[in-house]
Amino acid sequence: MTPFLSVVASVVAWVGAMLTAASLAVLGPARIRAAWRGLRDRIWDARRAIALVCVVLLASAVGRGSLQTVSRLFGVQATALIYALEGGFVAWVQATFATPALTAYFSWVYVYGYAFLLSFPVIAYLALPRTTALRRLLVAYALNYGIGLALYTLVFAYGPRNVIPDMVTPLLFTNQPDVMRLASEVNVNTNVFPSLHTSLAVTVGTFAVLTREAFPRWTPLAVPLSLSVVVATMYLGIHWLTDVVAGFALAFGCVALAFRLVDPRSDPVESRSDASEDRSEAGAGD
């Protein structure tokens, strides 16, 4: 097995184990069994949101190289501006807090915890009888990726590990060198503003808070994990504080927009229920 496939297999194994454990702990066996009923209908109901995410991810994968070239030639050269704005904040974070234990934790969070964080809400919201939360989440994901890709094209900037290598250590790659192969396949070192790790993690954390009544056990897990991902982006020397702040803004904006775009009244289950009630009332009137 090649090193790249080994890393991918490790991620799949870790995330699969965490999804299984979280499903049992958060949903419970009875709810999981009940979720199978009507699962195909719920997936069909959410098909447009699912297709939107797939299209955005495909566009990102196909166009990433070309858009990076456009960004390099025509984008706003923001590296010096960001460094002038915040200086050595990330270097200070590493110098003040870096320990082998924290490095191991944040490296794990950045790769495995992040993948789990984005995956589990899809499973959880699929278990709900209505698809509003699922469709809103998927639309928010698509908005994050789509707007993030546009901003990566408009703003050309390097991360702190590239700008001040004498002050900031790429702790993720020194701690897990094989991860560099995976990172190079899905990202480039000029895709820093905004931090999509931050925006997507905060998006999930926000949804966890907003849906806490449906999944009270998920919120206390999702929020700390989301914040851990945010801290990891700076602790590992990957993103500037400026990127993180922009990631928060992007997350809140995408969540708000997703709520505006996906109306609960558009839920097919709601529509079917309303139609059934109308037929019942009509029958009673006769």
Protein backbone atom coordinates (compact mmCIF):
# COMPACT_ATOMS: atom_id res chain seq x y z
CA MET A 1 0.00 0.00 0.00
CA THR A 2 1.35 3.43 -0.93
CA PRO A 3 1.84 6.07 1.81
CA PHE A 4 -1.05 8.10 0.39
CA LEU A 5 -3.46 5.15 0.45
CA SER A 6 -2.24 4.30 3.93
CA VAL A 7 -3.20 7.77 5.17
CA VAL A 8 -6.59 7.58 3.45
CA ALA A 9 -7.24 4.15 4.96
CA SER A 10 -6.29 5.47 8.39
CA VAL A 11 -8.72 8.39 8.05
CA VAL A 12 -11.52 6.11 6.86
CA ALA A 13 -10.92 3.69 9.74
CA TRP A 14 -10.80 6.41 12.40
CA VAL A 15 -13.83 8.27 11.07
CA GLY A 16 -15.80 5.05 10.59
CA ALA A 17 -15.16 4.02 14.19
CA MET A 18 -16.10 7.46 15.52
CA LEU A 19 -19.28 7.61 13.42
CA THR A 20 -20.34 4.21 14.73
CA ALA A 21 -19.67 5.17 18.35
CA ALA A 22 -21.37 8.56 18.01
CA SER A 23 -24.39 7.07 16.29
CA LEU A 24 -24.88 4.62 19.15
CA ALA A 25 -24.30 7.27 21.83
CA VAL A 26 -26.17 10.21 20.29
CA LEU A 27 -28.94 8.50 18.33
CA GLY A 28 -29.22 5.18 20.13
CA PRO A 29 -29.99 1.74 18.66
CA ALA A 30 -33.77 2.27 18.63
CA ARG A 31 -33.52 5.58 16.79
CA ILE A 32 -31.05 4.11 14.31
CA ARG A 33 -33.44 1.28 13.52
CA ALA A 34 -36.32 3.72 13.15
CA ALA A 35 -34.24 5.92 10.86
CA TRP A 36 -34.05 3.15 8.26
CA ARG A 37 -37.77 3.52 7.69
CA GLY A 38 -38.26 6.16 5.06
CA LEU A 39 -34.51 6.72 4.64
CA ARG A 40 -34.74 6.45 0.86
CA ASP A 41 -37.54 9.04 0.80
CA ARG A 42 -35.53 11.46 2.94
CA ILE A 43 -32.49 11.10 0.70
CA TRP A 44 -34.71 11.74 -2.32
CA ASP A 45 -36.23 14.78 -0.62
CA ALA A 46 -32.73 16.19 -0.04
CA ARG A 47 -31.48 15.31 -3.51
CA ARG A 48 -31.11 18.92 -4.68
CA ALA A 49 -29.01 19.89 -1.66
CA ILE A 50 -26.91 16.74 -2.05
CA ALA A 51 -26.40 17.49 -5.75
CA LEU A 52 -25.41 21.08 -4.94
CA VAL A 53 -22.68 19.95 -2.54
CA CYS A 54 -21.39 17.41 -5.08
CA VAL A 55 -21.27 20.03 -7.85
CA VAL A 56 -19.40 22.52 -5.67
CA LEU A 57 -16.89 19.90 -4.50
CA LEU A 58 -16.35 18.71 -8.07
CA ALA A 59 -15.84 22.28 -9.29
CA SER A 60 -13.33 22.85 -6.48
CA ALA A 61 -11.41 19.69 -7.31
CA VAL A 62 -11.33 20.30 -11.06
CA GLY A 63 -10.73 24.04 -11.03
CA ARG A 64 -8.41 24.39 -8.04
CA GLY A 65 -5.20 24.44 -10.07
CA SER A 66 -6.45 26.88 -12.68
CA LEU A 67 -7.99 29.20 -10.11
CA GLN A 68 -4.74 29.22 -8.14
CA THR A 69 -2.96 30.44 -11.26
CA VAL A 70 -5.58 33.17 -11.70
CA SER A 71 -5.18 34.12 -8.05
CA ARG A 72 -1.40 34.29 -8.33
CA LEU A 73 -1.61 36.56 -11.39
CA PHE A 74 -4.61 38.75 -10.61
CA GLY A 75 -5.58 38.21 -6.97
CA VAL A 76 -5.01 40.63 -4.12
CA GLN A 77 -1.52 39.96 -2.76
CA ALA A 78 -2.48 39.86 0.92
CA THR A 79 0.40 38.05 2.64
CA ALA A 80 2.29 41.18 3.66
CA LEU A 81 -0.93 42.91 4.72
CA ILE A 82 -1.98 40.04 6.97
CA TYR A 83 1.47 39.80 8.53
CA ALA A 84 1.55 43.56 9.12
CA LEU A 85 -1.90 43.35 10.72
CA GLU A 86 -1.20 40.62 13.26
CA GLY A 87 2.55 40.08 13.27
CA GLY A 88 3.80 37.02 15.11
CA PHE A 89 0.58 36.01 16.87
CA VAL A 90 0.73 32.44 15.56
CA ALA A 91 4.41 32.24 16.48
CA TRP A 92 3.49 33.39 19.99
CA VAL A 93 0.79 30.67 20.22
CA GLN A 94 3.32 27.98 19.37
CA ALA A 95 6.05 29.39 21.60
CA THR A 96 3.67 29.70 24.55
CA PHE A 97 1.56 26.55 24.36
CA ALA A 98 3.29 23.93 22.21
CA THR A 99 3.86 20.59 23.93
CA PRO A 100 4.15 17.06 22.48
CA ALA A 101 0.76 16.13 23.93
CA LEU A 102 -1.02 19.18 22.51
CA THR A 103 0.68 18.74 19.16
CA ALA A 104 -0.53 15.14 18.99
CA TYR A 105 -4.05 16.20 20.00
CA PHE A 106 -4.40 19.10 17.57
CA SER A 107 -2.86 17.07 14.73
CA TRP A 108 -5.46 14.37 15.37
CA VAL A 109 -8.25 16.97 15.56
CA TYR A 110 -7.19 18.72 12.35
CA VAL A 111 -7.29 15.53 10.29
CA TYR A 112 -9.51 12.92 11.93
CA GLY A 113 -11.69 15.00 14.23
CA TYR A 114 -12.49 17.44 11.44
CA ALA A 115 -13.58 14.70 9.02
CA PHE A 116 -15.79 13.17 11.72
CA LEU A 117 -17.22 16.59 12.65
CA LEU A 118 -18.39 17.23 9.11
CA SER A 119 -19.70 13.71 8.54
CA PHE A 120 -21.74 12.95 11.65
CA PRO A 121 -24.37 15.73 11.35
CA VAL A 122 -25.33 14.38 7.92
CA ILE A 123 -26.09 11.00 9.51
CA ALA A 124 -27.86 12.56 12.48
CA TYR A 125 -30.07 14.87 10.41
CA LEU A 126 -30.93 12.02 8.07
CA ALA A 127 -32.43 10.30 11.10
CA LEU A 128 -34.90 13.14 11.60
CA PRO A 129 -38.38 12.67 10.13
CA ARG A 130 -38.12 15.99 8.26
CA THR A 131 -35.23 17.01 6.02
CA THR A 132 -35.14 20.75 6.76
CA ALA A 133 -32.08 20.56 9.04
CA LEU A 134 -30.25 18.25 6.62
CA ARG A 135 -30.94 20.44 3.61
CA ARG A 136 -29.91 23.57 5.49
CA LEU A 137 -26.67 21.92 6.58
CA LEU A 138 -25.82 20.75 3.07
CA VAL A 139 -26.62 24.16 1.59
CA ALA A 140 -24.41 25.77 4.26
CA TYR A 141 -21.60 23.35 3.33
CA ALA A 142 -21.98 24.23 -0.35
CA LEU A 143 -21.97 27.95 0.41
CA ASN A 144 -18.85 27.60 2.54
CA TYR A 145 -16.98 25.78 -0.21
CA GLY A 146 -18.30 27.95 -3.02
CA ILE A 147 -17.65 31.30 -1.36
CA GLY A 148 -14.37 30.01 0.06
CA LEU A 149 -13.21 29.00 -3.43
CA ALA A 150 -14.10 32.45 -4.75
CA LEU A 151 -12.19 34.15 -1.92
CA TYR A 152 -9.18 31.89 -2.48
CA THR A 153 -9.18 33.12 -6.07
CA LEU A 154 -9.57 36.77 -5.12
CA VAL A 155 -7.04 36.75 -2.27
CA PHE A 156 -3.55 35.33 -2.76
CA ALA A 157 -1.77 34.73 0.54
CA TYR A 158 0.63 32.29 2.16
CA GLY A 159 0.18 30.85 5.64
CA PRO A 160 2.45 31.64 8.59
CA ARG A 161 4.50 28.45 8.24
CA ASN A 162 5.55 29.64 4.77
CA VAL A 163 6.07 33.31 5.63
CA ILE A 164 7.97 33.06 8.91
CA PRO A 165 9.45 29.54 8.94
CA ASP A 166 12.10 30.61 11.45
CA MET A 167 9.32 31.45 13.95
CA VAL A 168 6.48 29.07 13.05
CA THR A 169 6.93 25.30 12.77
CA PRO A 170 4.58 23.21 10.56
CA LEU A 171 3.75 21.01 13.52
CA LEU A 172 1.18 18.91 11.67
CA PHE A 173 3.69 17.72 9.11
CA THR A 174 6.50 17.26 11.60
CA ASN A 175 4.20 15.21 13.83
CA GLN A 176 2.51 13.26 11.00
CA PRO A 177 4.65 13.59 7.86
CA ASP A 178 2.48 11.22 5.83
CA VAL A 179 -0.44 13.64 6.18
CA MET A 180 1.42 16.03 3.86
CA ARG A 181 0.62 13.69 0.97
CA LEU A 182 -3.09 13.84 1.74
CA ALA A 183 -3.02 17.62 2.27
CA SER A 184 -1.31 18.21 -1.05
CA GLU A 185 -4.13 16.36 -2.82
CA VAL A 186 -6.93 18.49 -1.36
CA ASN A 187 -5.34 21.87 -0.74
CA VAL A 188 -2.54 24.26 -1.64
CA ASN A 189 -0.46 26.44 0.64
CA THR A 190 -1.99 29.67 -0.69
CA ASN A 191 -5.53 28.66 0.26
CA VAL A 192 -5.48 30.35 3.63
CA PHE A 193 -7.97 33.25 3.54
CA PRO A 194 -10.46 32.40 4.89
CA SER A 195 -9.82 29.23 6.90
CA LEU A 196 -12.33 26.70 5.59
CA HIS A 197 -11.45 24.36 8.45
CA THR A 198 -12.65 27.15 10.74
CA SER A 199 -15.75 28.07 8.74
CA LEU A 200 -16.98 24.50 8.32
CA ALA A 201 -16.21 23.55 11.93
CA VAL A 202 -18.03 26.65 13.22
CA THR A 203 -20.91 25.90 10.85
CA VAL A 204 -21.30 22.44 12.40
CA GLY A 205 -20.99 23.86 15.92
CA THR A 206 -23.66 26.46 15.15
CA PHE A 207 -26.03 23.85 13.76
CA ALA A 208 -25.38 21.68 16.84
CA VAL A 209 -26.49 24.53 19.09
CA LEU A 210 -29.54 25.31 16.94
CA THR A 211 -30.63 21.64 16.90
CA ARG A 212 -29.72 20.85 20.50
CA GLU A 213 -33.30 19.89 21.37
CA ALA A 214 -33.24 17.11 18.77
CA PHE A 215 -29.72 15.93 19.71
CA PRO A 216 -28.88 17.06 23.27
CA ARG A 217 -25.88 14.71 23.46
CA TRP A 218 -24.34 16.00 20.24
CA THR A 219 -24.01 19.67 21.23
CA PRO A 220 -21.58 19.14 24.17
CA LEU A 221 -19.38 17.08 21.83
CA ALA A 222 -19.66 19.18 18.67
CA VAL A 223 -18.97 22.61 20.16
CA PRO A 224 -15.65 21.75 21.92
CA LEU A 225 -14.53 19.74 18.91
CA SER A 226 -15.37 22.64 16.59
CA LEU A 227 -13.39 25.05 18.74
CA SER A 228 -10.51 22.57 18.87
CA VAL A 229 -10.39 22.57 15.07
CA VAL A 230 -10.31 26.38 15.10
CA VAL A 231 -7.40 26.47 17.55
CA ALA A 232 -5.61 23.69 15.66
CA THR A 233 -5.46 25.76 12.47
CA MET A 234 -3.27 28.34 14.25
CA TYR A 235 -1.47 26.06 16.71
CA LEU A 236 -0.21 23.91 13.82
CA GLY A 237 1.00 26.99 11.92
CA ILE A 238 -1.40 26.56 9.00
CA HIS A 239 -3.57 29.68 9.29
CA TRP A 240 -3.29 33.25 10.53
CA LEU A 241 -5.64 34.67 13.15
CA THR A 242 -7.01 36.84 10.33
CA ASP A 243 -7.97 33.70 8.39
CA VAL A 244 -9.74 32.34 11.46
CA VAL A 245 -11.73 35.54 12.04
CA ALA A 246 -12.76 35.51 8.38
CA GLY A 247 -13.72 31.84 8.80
CA PHE A 248 -16.07 32.70 11.67
CA ALA A 249 -17.69 35.43 9.57
CA LEU A 250 -18.08 33.07 6.62
CA ALA A 251 -19.62 30.37 8.82
CA PHE A 252 -22.22 32.64 10.42
CA GLY A 253 -23.05 34.18 7.06
CA CYS A 254 -23.49 30.78 5.39
CA VAL A 255 -25.68 29.47 8.21
CA ALA A 256 -27.88 32.57 8.08
CA LEU A 257 -28.16 32.34 4.29
CA ALA A 258 -28.94 28.62 4.41
CA PHE A 259 -31.80 29.31 6.83
CA ARG A 260 -33.16 31.94 4.45
CA LEU A 261 -32.84 29.74 1.37
CA VAL A 262 -34.34 26.57 2.90
CA ASP A 263 -37.81 27.30 4.22
CA PRO A 264 -39.29 24.68 6.59
CA ARG A 265 -42.53 24.93 4.60
CA SER A 266 -40.64 23.57 1.59
CA ASP A 267 -40.01 20.29 3.42
CA PRO A 268 -41.58 17.53 1.29
CA VAL A 269 -42.69 15.74 4.47
CA GLU A 270 -44.47 18.89 5.59
CA SER A 271 -46.10 19.19 2.17
CA ARG A 272 -47.24 15.59 2.21
CA SER A 273 -48.63 16.03 5.75
CA ASP A 274 -50.47 19.21 4.77
CA ALA A 275 -51.92 17.51 1.70
CA SER A 276 -53.13 14.60 3.82
CA GLU A 277 -54.75 17.00 6.30
CA ASP A 278 -56.44 18.89 3.47
CA ARG A 279 -57.85 15.65 2.07
CA SER A 280 -59.04 14.63 5.53
CA GLU A 281 -60.75 17.98 6.10
CA ALA A 282 -62.35 17.82 2.66
CA GLY A 283 -63.64 14.34 3.43
CA ALA A 284 -65.03 15.50 6.78
CA GLY A 285 -66.77 18.41 5.08
CA ASP A 286 -68.52 16.08 2.66
